[in-house]
Amino acid sequence: MNYRELGRTGWKVSEVSFGAWAIGAMWGAVDDDESFAALNRAVDLGVNFIDTADVYGMGRSERLVARLRKERRETIYVATKAGRKLSPHTADGYNAQNLAAFVEDSLRNLEMDCLDLLQLHCPPPEVYYRPEVFGALEDLVRAGKIRHYGASVEKVEEALKAIEYPGVQSVQIIFNMFRQRPAELFFAEARRRRVGVLARVPLASGLLTGRMKRDTVFSKDDHRTFNRHGEMFDRGETFSGVDYEKGLEAVAELAKYKPSGATMAQFALRWILMFDAVTCAIPGARRPAQVEENTRAADLPPLSEAQMASVRGVYDRSIRGMVHPRW
């Protein structure tokens, strides 16, 4: 495993880390014992950064991470998120009182005295224009409740606004072969300001693994069934906002350029790691075998200029029009 600096935190985190949404909820049936085995395997393989949220199974994911931290001796940095418990999910809900309450809930779930990294969880765009929200986060740092804070965003414009606040240490943004816009402007600004970049949805909800087919069936409690058109939350969270059928066609074309001996998932993750502004990719996993496949991407040699150009060509021809103007 290789490690990269996360913003100005002084932390060096595994460039392939662990996204813990799938072990919480909304990805179909999940078994806690299997999830815990996946978490342990990740640590065995050098993963030292886990991204979770209070709404992933309403504490289920956070509690599994707490169990892991108690049983392992290795340093494990944990990022969680706050805000999506709001109902309705409005900018006004992102106030000091609510944020403090959400932090207390996560501290209990994670069995921590101070959160390593708290991220605003894809708030409404208006939040980024309210300095008092970031002032509240600074107050939580001074109170010893959180060490660092950042934001998980939907759009590049939100990411650029977030990093105008000097205390923001990280931005979590969808970045993968199907969502390339962050590399155009945001990455340069993040590097300049020494802000960490967490590449979320790196496999486009599994589309970029190459294992899905036109007749693949997802369970009713899987967001890949009920959120394809943004019915419950932002459409970009599911298959990166790409039409499923067109995504399958693009993956088939991308597979022609993958390195010999690598899986499509490993190719997709290695592509992300070619961008030095990225701190880490955070693919999800529910089984140890998935963790093993994901982490091996860090061992692949760099992709060639021809491979990078080919990926860009597929994006420009088949994907750009669906996603580039929107996110």
Protein backbone atom coordinates (compact mmCIF):
# COMPACT_ATOMS: atom_id res chain seq x y z
CA MET A 1 0.00 0.00 0.00
CA ASN A 2 1.12 3.53 -0.76
CA TYR A 3 0.25 6.57 1.34
CA ARG A 4 -0.49 10.21 0.52
CA GLU A 5 -0.75 13.32 2.67
CA LEU A 6 -4.28 14.40 3.56
CA GLY A 7 -4.45 18.15 3.27
CA ARG A 8 -2.65 19.95 6.08
CA THR A 9 -3.59 17.38 8.71
CA GLY A 10 -0.15 15.78 8.86
CA TRP A 11 -1.78 12.40 8.22
CA LYS A 12 -0.58 10.00 5.56
CA VAL A 13 -3.48 7.85 4.44
CA SER A 14 -3.72 4.79 2.23
CA GLU A 15 -4.29 5.79 -1.38
CA VAL A 16 -6.92 3.07 -1.64
CA SER A 17 -9.04 3.39 1.46
CA PHE A 18 -12.43 2.06 2.60
CA GLY A 19 -15.85 3.55 1.93
CA ALA A 20 -18.32 2.33 4.54
CA TRP A 21 -21.69 3.23 3.01
CA ALA A 22 -22.32 -0.30 1.72
CA ILE A 23 -21.86 -1.88 5.16
CA GLY A 24 -24.54 0.43 6.55
CA ALA A 25 -27.54 0.47 4.22
CA MET A 26 -28.98 1.06 0.74
CA TRP A 27 -26.87 -1.54 -1.07
CA GLY A 28 -29.08 -4.56 -0.50
CA ALA A 29 -28.70 -7.22 2.16
CA VAL A 30 -25.64 -6.86 4.35
CA ASP A 31 -24.22 -9.17 7.01
CA ASP A 32 -22.40 -7.51 9.91
CA ASP A 33 -19.99 -10.40 10.40
CA GLU A 34 -19.00 -10.32 6.74
CA SER A 35 -18.72 -6.53 6.84
CA PHE A 36 -16.49 -6.74 9.88
CA ALA A 37 -14.32 -9.30 8.12
CA ALA A 38 -14.01 -6.90 5.18
CA LEU A 39 -12.95 -4.08 7.50
CA ASN A 40 -10.34 -6.28 9.14
CA ARG A 41 -9.00 -7.42 5.80
CA ALA A 42 -8.63 -3.82 4.74
CA VAL A 43 -6.48 -3.07 7.77
CA ASP A 44 -4.47 -6.24 7.14
CA LEU A 45 -3.66 -4.89 3.68
CA GLY A 46 -2.54 -1.48 4.90
CA VAL A 47 -5.74 0.56 4.73
CA ASN A 48 -5.69 3.18 7.49
CA PHE A 49 -8.52 5.51 6.45
CA ILE A 50 -12.25 4.74 6.62
CA ASP A 51 -15.03 7.01 5.43
CA THR A 52 -18.46 6.60 7.00
CA ALA A 53 -21.50 8.73 7.91
CA ASP A 54 -24.10 8.93 10.63
CA VAL A 55 -26.90 8.00 8.20
CA TYR A 56 -25.24 4.86 6.84
CA GLY A 57 -27.68 2.49 8.48
CA MET A 58 -28.43 5.20 11.04
CA GLY A 59 -25.29 4.45 13.03
CA ARG A 60 -24.78 0.86 11.91
CA SER A 61 -21.70 1.65 9.84
CA GLU A 62 -20.18 3.88 12.53
CA ARG A 63 -20.67 1.22 15.19
CA LEU A 64 -18.92 -1.41 13.07
CA VAL A 65 -15.99 0.97 12.65
CA ALA A 66 -15.93 1.53 16.42
CA ARG A 67 -15.70 -2.23 16.95
CA LEU A 68 -12.82 -2.40 14.49
CA ARG A 69 -10.90 0.38 16.23
CA LYS A 70 -11.27 -1.37 19.57
CA GLU A 71 -9.91 -4.66 18.26
CA ARG A 72 -7.00 -3.40 16.16
CA ARG A 73 -3.81 -1.77 17.35
CA GLU A 74 -3.03 0.02 14.09
CA THR A 75 -3.69 3.73 13.61
CA ILE A 76 -6.99 4.07 11.78
CA TYR A 77 -8.22 7.50 10.75
CA VAL A 78 -12.00 7.81 10.58
CA ALA A 79 -13.95 10.37 8.60
CA THR A 80 -17.67 10.69 9.21
CA LYS A 81 -20.35 13.05 7.96
CA ALA A 82 -23.24 15.07 9.32
CA GLY A 83 -26.31 16.76 7.95
CA ARG A 84 -28.33 14.20 6.07
CA LYS A 85 -30.39 13.31 9.15
CA LEU A 86 -32.13 16.64 8.72
CA SER A 87 -35.75 16.35 7.65
CA PRO A 88 -36.39 18.43 5.72
CA HIS A 89 -32.83 18.67 4.46
CA THR A 90 -32.50 22.45 4.26
CA ALA A 91 -29.70 24.98 4.59
CA ASP A 92 -31.29 26.38 7.75
CA GLY A 93 -30.79 22.99 9.42
CA TYR A 94 -27.02 23.39 9.18
CA ASN A 95 -26.79 25.45 12.35
CA ALA A 96 -24.52 25.26 15.38
CA GLN A 97 -27.08 23.48 17.55
CA ASN A 98 -27.83 20.72 15.06
CA LEU A 99 -24.19 20.19 14.07
CA ALA A 100 -23.19 19.87 17.73
CA ALA A 101 -25.95 17.30 18.27
CA PHE A 102 -24.93 15.29 15.21
CA VAL A 103 -21.32 15.28 16.42
CA GLU A 104 -22.39 13.94 19.81
CA ASP A 105 -24.31 11.14 18.12
CA SER A 106 -21.27 10.16 16.03
CA LEU A 107 -18.97 10.34 19.05
CA ARG A 108 -21.23 7.83 20.80
CA ASN A 109 -21.49 5.54 17.78
CA LEU A 110 -17.74 5.61 17.11
CA GLU A 111 -16.84 5.48 20.80
CA MET A 112 -14.44 8.38 20.36
CA ASP A 113 -13.76 11.46 22.47
CA CYS A 114 -12.93 13.54 19.41
CA LEU A 115 -13.81 12.91 15.75
CA ASP A 116 -10.83 12.72 13.40
CA LEU A 117 -12.58 14.35 10.45
CA LEU A 118 -16.15 15.62 10.20
CA GLN A 119 -17.56 16.39 6.76
CA LEU A 120 -20.69 18.30 5.86
CA HIS A 121 -22.76 15.67 4.07
CA CYS A 122 -23.70 17.06 0.66
CA PRO A 123 -25.56 20.07 2.03
CA PRO A 124 -27.72 22.37 -0.09
CA PRO A 125 -25.58 24.76 -2.15
CA GLU A 126 -26.68 27.73 -0.02
CA VAL A 127 -24.72 26.34 2.94
CA TYR A 128 -21.43 27.15 1.25
CA TYR A 129 -22.42 30.82 1.28
CA ARG A 130 -23.04 30.88 5.04
CA PRO A 131 -19.78 31.59 6.92
CA GLU A 132 -21.55 30.92 10.21
CA VAL A 133 -21.75 27.22 9.33
CA PHE A 134 -17.98 27.00 9.06
CA GLY A 135 -17.70 29.13 12.17
CA ALA A 136 -19.71 26.49 13.99
CA LEU A 137 -17.27 23.85 12.80
CA GLU A 138 -14.37 25.97 14.08
CA ASP A 139 -16.14 26.14 17.45
CA LEU A 140 -16.34 22.34 17.51
CA VAL A 141 -12.60 22.16 16.85
CA ARG A 142 -11.90 24.57 19.72
CA ALA A 143 -14.20 22.54 21.96
CA GLY A 144 -12.17 19.40 21.26
CA LYS A 145 -15.08 17.61 19.61
CA ILE A 146 -13.52 17.36 16.13
CA ARG A 147 -9.90 17.55 14.97
CA HIS A 148 -10.52 18.57 11.39
CA TYR A 149 -13.43 19.28 9.09
CA GLY A 150 -14.24 19.20 5.40
CA ALA A 151 -17.15 18.76 3.02
CA SER A 152 -18.65 16.09 0.83
CA VAL A 153 -20.05 17.78 -2.26
CA GLU A 154 -22.13 17.04 -5.32
CA LYS A 155 -20.82 19.67 -7.72
CA VAL A 156 -17.46 21.14 -8.68
CA GLU A 157 -18.81 24.62 -7.98
CA GLU A 158 -19.57 23.58 -4.39
CA ALA A 159 -16.08 22.17 -3.99
CA LEU A 160 -14.50 25.40 -5.20
CA LYS A 161 -16.62 27.44 -2.79
CA ALA A 162 -15.91 25.11 0.15
CA ILE A 163 -12.15 25.47 -0.12
CA GLU A 164 -12.41 29.25 0.18
CA TYR A 165 -12.87 28.61 3.90
CA PRO A 166 -9.34 28.30 5.33
CA GLY A 167 -10.24 25.62 7.87
CA VAL A 168 -11.49 23.12 5.28
CA GLN A 169 -8.98 20.27 5.16
CA SER A 170 -10.67 17.96 2.69
CA VAL A 171 -13.27 17.76 -0.03
CA GLN A 172 -14.97 14.53 -0.93
CA ILE A 173 -16.19 14.56 -4.52
CA ILE A 174 -17.35 12.03 -7.10
CA PHE A 175 -14.41 11.39 -9.38
CA ASN A 176 -14.02 8.41 -11.68
CA MET A 177 -13.76 7.49 -15.36
CA PHE A 178 -17.37 8.65 -15.77
CA ARG A 179 -17.01 11.89 -13.79
CA GLN A 180 -13.87 13.68 -14.96
CA ARG A 181 -14.77 17.34 -14.55
CA PRO A 182 -13.08 17.79 -11.11
CA ALA A 183 -9.67 17.38 -12.79
CA GLU A 184 -10.19 20.45 -14.98
CA LEU A 185 -10.04 23.24 -12.39
CA PHE A 186 -10.81 22.00 -8.92
CA PHE A 187 -7.76 19.77 -8.56
CA ALA A 188 -5.37 22.62 -9.29
CA GLU A 189 -7.07 24.80 -6.70
CA ALA A 190 -7.08 22.00 -4.12
CA ARG A 191 -3.35 21.47 -4.64
CA ARG A 192 -2.69 25.19 -4.34
CA ARG A 193 -4.56 25.40 -1.06
CA ARG A 194 -3.24 22.04 0.19
CA VAL A 195 -6.71 20.56 0.55
CA GLY A 196 -7.12 16.80 0.54
CA VAL A 197 -9.31 15.22 -2.16
CA LEU A 198 -11.27 12.06 -1.39
CA ALA A 199 -12.50 10.41 -4.59
CA ARG A 200 -15.89 8.96 -3.79
CA VAL A 201 -18.08 6.66 -5.89
CA PRO A 202 -14.84 5.60 -7.63
CA LEU A 203 -16.43 2.60 -9.31
CA ALA A 204 -19.67 4.36 -10.32
CA SER A 205 -21.82 2.24 -8.00
CA GLY A 206 -20.24 -0.90 -9.40
CA LEU A 207 -20.73 -0.07 -13.09
CA LEU A 208 -16.98 0.27 -13.57
CA THR A 209 -16.29 -3.20 -12.19
CA GLY A 210 -17.41 -4.66 -15.52
CA ARG A 211 -19.51 -7.26 -13.74
CA MET A 212 -22.93 -5.79 -14.37
CA LYS A 213 -25.14 -6.83 -17.26
CA ARG A 214 -28.34 -5.57 -18.80
CA ASP A 215 -30.30 -8.19 -16.87
CA THR A 216 -28.59 -7.62 -13.50
CA VAL A 217 -31.25 -7.33 -10.80
CA PHE A 218 -30.77 -5.20 -7.71
CA SER A 219 -32.84 -5.66 -4.56
CA LYS A 220 -35.58 -3.26 -3.57
CA ASP A 221 -33.49 -1.77 -0.74
CA ASP A 222 -30.56 -1.03 -3.07
CA HIS A 223 -30.29 2.59 -4.27
CA ARG A 224 -29.36 1.21 -7.69
CA THR A 225 -33.02 0.18 -7.92
CA PHE A 226 -34.80 3.17 -6.40
CA ASN A 227 -32.58 6.18 -7.13
CA ARG A 228 -31.61 5.87 -10.79
CA HIS A 229 -33.36 9.12 -11.59
CA GLY A 230 -32.72 10.91 -8.30
CA GLU A 231 -35.96 9.85 -6.66
CA MET A 232 -34.50 9.89 -3.12
CA PHE A 233 -31.26 11.88 -3.30
CA ASP A 234 -29.01 13.36 -5.97
CA ARG A 235 -29.04 11.28 -9.14
CA GLY A 236 -25.26 11.54 -9.37
CA GLU A 237 -24.89 9.24 -6.36
CA THR A 238 -26.22 6.30 -8.37
CA PHE A 239 -24.07 5.09 -11.31
CA SER A 240 -22.47 8.57 -11.15
CA GLY A 241 -25.56 9.94 -12.89
CA VAL A 242 -24.88 7.90 -16.04
CA ASP A 243 -27.70 6.10 -17.83
CA TYR A 244 -27.29 2.42 -16.94
CA GLU A 245 -27.50 1.01 -20.47
CA LYS A 246 -25.14 3.63 -21.91
CA GLY A 247 -22.79 3.05 -18.99
CA LEU A 248 -22.58 -0.64 -19.79
CA GLU A 249 -21.64 0.17 -23.37
CA ALA A 250 -18.93 2.58 -22.24
CA VAL A 251 -17.48 0.04 -19.80
CA ALA A 252 -17.23 -2.52 -22.59
CA GLU A 253 -15.22 -0.01 -24.59
CA LEU A 254 -13.02 0.96 -21.62
CA ALA A 255 -12.22 -2.70 -20.96
CA LYS A 256 -10.25 -2.80 -24.23
CA TYR A 257 -7.61 -0.58 -22.65
CA LYS A 258 -7.16 -2.16 -19.23
CA PRO A 259 -3.73 -3.48 -18.26
CA SER A 260 -3.04 -7.16 -18.81
CA GLY A 261 -3.85 -9.16 -15.69
CA ALA A 262 -5.84 -6.36 -14.05
CA THR A 263 -9.57 -6.38 -13.42
CA MET A 264 -11.77 -3.58 -14.67
CA ALA A 265 -12.22 -2.36 -11.09
CA GLN A 266 -8.47 -2.20 -10.59
CA PHE A 267 -8.05 -0.33 -13.86
CA ALA A 268 -10.70 2.20 -12.77
CA LEU A 269 -9.06 2.74 -9.39
CA ARG A 270 -5.55 3.00 -10.86
CA TRP A 271 -6.85 5.63 -13.26
CA ILE A 272 -7.96 7.75 -10.30
CA LEU A 273 -4.57 7.39 -8.61
CA MET A 274 -2.86 8.83 -11.68
CA PHE A 275 -4.00 12.27 -10.47
CA ASP A 276 -1.65 13.59 -7.83
CA ALA A 277 -4.28 15.95 -6.40
CA VAL A 278 -6.22 12.90 -5.21
CA THR A 279 -5.42 11.86 -1.66
CA CYS A 280 -7.25 8.56 -1.87
CA ALA A 281 -10.03 6.65 -3.55
CA ILE A 282 -12.66 5.24 -1.20
CA PRO A 283 -14.32 2.23 -2.86
CA GLY A 284 -16.92 0.42 -0.83
CA ALA A 285 -16.72 -3.25 0.05
CA ARG A 286 -18.92 -5.73 1.87
CA ARG A 287 -16.70 -8.80 1.54
CA PRO A 288 -12.98 -9.46 2.11
CA ALA A 289 -12.52 -10.52 -1.52
CA GLN A 290 -13.72 -7.11 -2.70
CA VAL A 291 -11.22 -5.41 -0.41
CA GLU A 292 -8.41 -7.56 -1.76
CA GLU A 293 -9.29 -6.70 -5.35
CA ASN A 294 -9.57 -2.99 -4.62
CA THR A 295 -6.33 -2.64 -2.71
CA ARG A 296 -4.33 -4.45 -5.38
CA ALA A 297 -5.00 -1.47 -7.64
CA ALA A 298 -2.37 0.43 -5.65
CA ASP A 299 0.25 -2.08 -6.81
CA LEU A 300 -0.39 -1.64 -10.53
CA PRO A 301 2.25 0.27 -12.50
CA PRO A 302 1.29 3.73 -13.78
CA LEU A 303 -1.00 3.80 -16.79
CA SER A 304 0.50 4.88 -20.09
CA GLU A 305 -0.27 8.14 -21.83
CA ALA A 306 -2.08 6.14 -24.49
CA GLN A 307 -4.30 4.45 -21.90
CA MET A 308 -5.11 7.78 -20.25
CA ALA A 309 -5.94 9.29 -23.64
CA SER A 310 -8.16 6.32 -24.50
CA VAL A 311 -10.14 6.69 -21.28
CA ARG A 312 -10.60 10.37 -21.99
CA GLY A 313 -11.77 9.52 -25.50
CA VAL A 314 -14.48 7.17 -24.23
CA TYR A 315 -15.61 9.84 -21.78
CA ASP A 316 -15.75 12.54 -24.42
CA ARG A 317 -17.65 10.39 -26.90
CA SER A 318 -20.07 8.55 -24.65
CA ILE A 319 -20.39 10.12 -21.22
CA ARG A 320 -19.49 13.81 -21.18
CA GLY A 321 -22.81 15.06 -22.48
CA MET A 322 -24.75 13.27 -19.74
CA VAL A 323 -22.75 14.47 -16.75
CA HIS A 324 -20.24 17.21 -17.47
CA PRO A 325 -22.59 20.24 -17.50
CA ARG A 326 -24.58 18.98 -14.51
CA TRP A 327 -21.96 18.23 -11.87
